[in-house]
Protein backbone atom coordinates (compact mmCIF):
# COMPACT_ATOMS: atom_id res chain seq x y z
CA LYS A 1 0.00 0.00 0.00
CA GLN A 2 1.06 3.54 -0.64
CA TRP A 3 1.68 5.92 2.26
CA TYR A 4 0.13 9.28 1.87
CA GLN A 5 -1.08 12.26 3.71
CA ARG A 6 -3.79 14.73 2.97
CA ARG A 7 -3.51 18.26 4.19
CA VAL A 8 -6.68 20.24 4.36
CA ALA A 9 -6.34 23.92 3.65
CA ILE A 10 -6.74 26.20 6.63
CA THR A 11 -10.07 27.94 6.24
CA ALA A 12 -11.81 30.64 8.25
CA GLY A 13 -12.20 28.22 11.18
CA GLY A 14 -8.61 26.95 10.90
CA TYR A 15 -9.28 23.26 10.25
CA GLY A 16 -5.67 22.10 10.50
CA MET A 17 -4.49 18.92 8.76
CA GLU A 18 -5.27 15.26 8.37
CA LEU A 19 -2.67 12.51 8.48
CA ILE A 20 -3.78 9.16 7.10
CA THR A 21 -2.21 5.71 6.87
CA GLU A 22 -3.81 2.67 5.25
CA GLU A 23 -1.17 -0.05 5.62
CA LYS A 24 -2.97 -2.14 8.28
CA GLY A 25 -6.35 -0.49 8.05
CA TYR A 26 -7.52 3.09 7.78
CA PHE A 27 -6.18 5.40 10.50
CA ARG A 28 -6.79 9.15 10.33
CA LEU A 29 -5.54 11.77 12.75
CA HIS A 30 -7.00 15.24 12.43
CA LEU A 31 -4.68 17.83 13.96
CA ASN A 32 -6.22 21.23 14.60
CA LYS A 33 -4.59 24.54 13.72
CA TYR A 34 -2.53 24.28 16.93
CA SER A 35 -1.20 20.84 15.84
CA SER A 36 -3.11 19.02 18.58
CA VAL A 37 -5.20 15.89 18.02
CA GLU A 38 -8.78 16.92 17.34
CA THR A 39 -10.26 13.67 15.99
CA ILE A 40 -9.19 10.07 15.44
CA THR A 41 -10.80 7.73 12.94
CA CYS A 42 -9.85 4.04 12.85
CA LEU A 43 -11.20 1.31 10.59
CA THR A 44 -9.55 -2.10 10.75
CA GLN A 45 -10.40 -5.75 11.22
CA ASP A 46 -7.73 -6.01 13.92
CA GLU A 47 -8.30 -5.25 17.57
CA ILE A 48 -7.90 -1.57 18.50
CA ASP A 49 -6.68 -0.45 21.92
CA VAL A 50 -9.31 2.25 22.34
CA SER A 51 -8.32 3.10 25.92
CA ASN A 52 -4.83 4.07 24.69
CA LEU A 53 -5.99 5.96 21.62
CA VAL A 54 -8.36 8.08 23.72
CA GLU A 55 -5.29 9.41 25.55
CA LEU A 56 -4.11 11.04 22.29
CA TYR A 57 -7.00 13.53 22.22
CA GLY A 58 -5.76 17.05 22.78
CA LEU A 59 -2.07 16.10 22.65
CA HIS A 60 0.25 18.25 20.58
CA GLU A 61 2.00 16.34 17.81
CA GLN A 62 5.40 16.98 19.41
CA TYR A 63 4.42 14.72 22.33
CA MET A 64 4.00 11.95 19.79
CA ASN A 65 7.66 11.69 18.82
CA ASP A 66 7.59 14.59 16.35
CA LEU A 67 4.64 13.03 14.52
CA VAL A 68 4.22 15.47 11.63
CA HIS A 69 7.91 15.57 10.75
CA ARG A 70 8.17 11.77 10.83
CA PHE A 71 4.98 11.40 8.81
CA GLU A 72 6.10 13.87 6.15
CA ALA A 73 9.46 12.07 5.95
CA ASN A 74 7.61 8.78 5.24
CA MET A 75 8.87 7.26 8.47
CA ILE A 76 5.39 6.17 9.62
CA PRO A 77 3.84 3.61 7.27
CA ASP A 78 1.19 2.65 9.82
CA PHE A 79 -0.20 4.55 12.82
CA TYR A 80 -1.42 1.33 14.45
CA SER A 81 2.17 0.06 14.74
CA PHE A 82 3.57 3.53 15.45
CA PHE A 83 1.50 3.88 18.61
CA ARG A 84 2.52 0.41 19.81
CA GLN A 85 6.23 1.24 19.84
CA PRO A 86 8.00 1.40 23.24
CA TRP A 87 8.53 5.19 23.09
CA SER A 88 4.75 5.72 23.23
CA LEU A 89 4.22 3.99 26.59
CA ALA A 90 4.45 7.26 28.52
CA LEU A 91 1.61 8.77 26.47
CA PHE A 92 -0.75 6.09 27.70
CA HIS A 93 0.44 6.01 31.31
CA ASP A 94 -2.22 7.03 33.81
CA ARG A 95 0.04 9.68 35.41
CA PHE A 96 1.16 11.31 32.15
CA ALA A 97 -1.57 13.98 32.17
CA THR A 98 -0.51 14.96 35.69
CA LEU A 99 3.12 15.22 34.56
CA ARG A 100 2.11 17.47 31.65
CA GLY A 101 0.17 19.71 34.04
CA ASP A 102 3.13 19.89 36.41
CA LEU A 103 5.49 20.83 33.58
CA LEU A 104 3.13 23.51 32.31
CA GLU A 105 2.92 24.94 35.83
CA LEU A 106 6.74 25.05 36.03
CA LEU A 107 6.89 26.87 32.68
CA SER A 108 4.45 29.43 34.04
CA VAL A 109 6.94 30.67 36.65
CA PRO A 110 8.79 33.84 35.57
CA ASN A 111 12.60 33.94 35.85
CA ALA A 112 12.44 37.11 37.91
CA PRO A 113 9.70 39.15 39.58
CA GLY A 114 7.99 41.46 37.13
CA GLU A 115 9.02 39.41 34.06
CA LEU A 116 6.64 37.42 31.91
CA SER A 117 6.86 33.65 32.19
CA LEU A 118 7.96 31.63 29.17
CA THR A 119 4.36 30.42 28.82
CA ASP A 120 3.10 34.01 28.66
CA LYS A 121 5.71 34.92 26.06
CA ILE A 122 4.71 31.93 23.91
CA LEU A 123 1.04 32.88 24.23
CA ASN A 124 1.86 36.43 23.14
CA HIS A 125 3.49 35.05 19.98
CA VAL A 126 0.57 32.71 19.30
CA GLU A 127 -1.96 35.52 19.71
CA GLU A 128 -0.16 37.42 16.93
CA ASP A 129 0.07 34.37 14.64
CA VAL A 130 -0.60 30.66 15.19
CA HIS A 131 2.83 29.76 13.80
CA ILE A 132 5.91 31.05 15.59
CA ASP A 133 8.72 31.88 13.16
CA ARG A 134 12.16 30.32 13.45
CA SER A 135 13.90 33.35 15.01
CA ALA A 136 11.21 33.65 17.69
CA LYS A 137 11.53 29.91 18.43
CA GLU A 138 15.30 30.23 18.77
CA GLU A 139 14.90 33.24 21.06
CA LEU A 140 12.40 31.37 23.25
CA MET A 141 14.64 28.29 23.33
CA LYS A 142 17.67 30.36 24.43
CA GLU A 143 15.58 31.87 27.18
CA PHE A 144 14.37 28.43 28.29
CA VAL A 145 17.89 26.99 28.39
CA GLY A 146 18.96 29.78 30.73
CA SER A 147 15.80 29.75 32.83
CA ILE A 148 15.13 28.50 36.33
CA SER A 149 12.27 26.46 34.83
CA ARG A 150 14.62 24.18 32.90
CA GLU A 151 16.28 22.67 35.95
CA ALA A 152 12.93 22.29 37.73
CA ILE A 153 11.41 20.60 34.66
CA GLU A 154 14.33 18.19 34.31
CA LYS A 155 14.14 17.34 38.01
CA ARG A 156 10.36 16.72 37.77
CA LEU A 157 10.73 14.61 34.61
CA PHE A 158 13.47 12.40 36.07
CA SER A 159 11.47 12.06 39.29
CA TYR A 160 8.47 10.90 37.23
CA LEU A 161 10.58 8.36 35.34
CA ALA A 162 12.20 7.04 38.53
CA TYR A 163 8.83 6.68 40.25
CA ASN A 164 7.33 4.89 37.23
CA LYS A 165 10.44 2.92 36.21
CA TYR A 166 8.68 -0.46 36.28
CA HIS A 167 6.10 0.71 33.73
CA LEU A 168 8.41 2.92 31.67
CA GLN A 169 11.56 0.82 31.39
CA HIS A 170 12.46 2.08 27.90
CA TYR A 171 13.24 5.61 29.08
CA ALA A 172 16.72 6.72 30.12
CA THR A 173 17.26 8.31 33.51
CA ARG A 174 20.18 10.13 35.10
CA ASN A 175 21.29 7.00 36.96
CA MET A 176 21.70 4.84 33.83
CA ALA A 177 25.17 6.04 32.82
């Protein structure tokens, strides 16, 4: 079978894009204009793990192992297999939503009193235009690397992985070296 994708033009409502595979059945992901999963359509004769797929709703494509880039590079022949790979286990873990909330909270802390948080700065860019240009991304990344949030986020992430190591054995931690 041929791999393909279909992008739907952004209209007044900002539909986003559709990514479709048909190798092991029909699987369509509709990403909204913010690149988050809006709808999932699956048609196959094989068993579908619905409880896992439900966890994808609302997730940004970057959480899914750089989904759009991999799809456009023809690295994903089949979404059914893609979401069964070991890297995806964290997405379906029952504490993953809590981790995401904790990380967002840490990003919402300004570096210094009176400054905007990194989250606020990103929101300001998004309010101007849904897509942040490369120079703005680089500027935001430089700020993040030098921020107090980075260390706190790394600490929280490694704590999460250590606490859940029996369920998430495929992820590297600080103590593995």
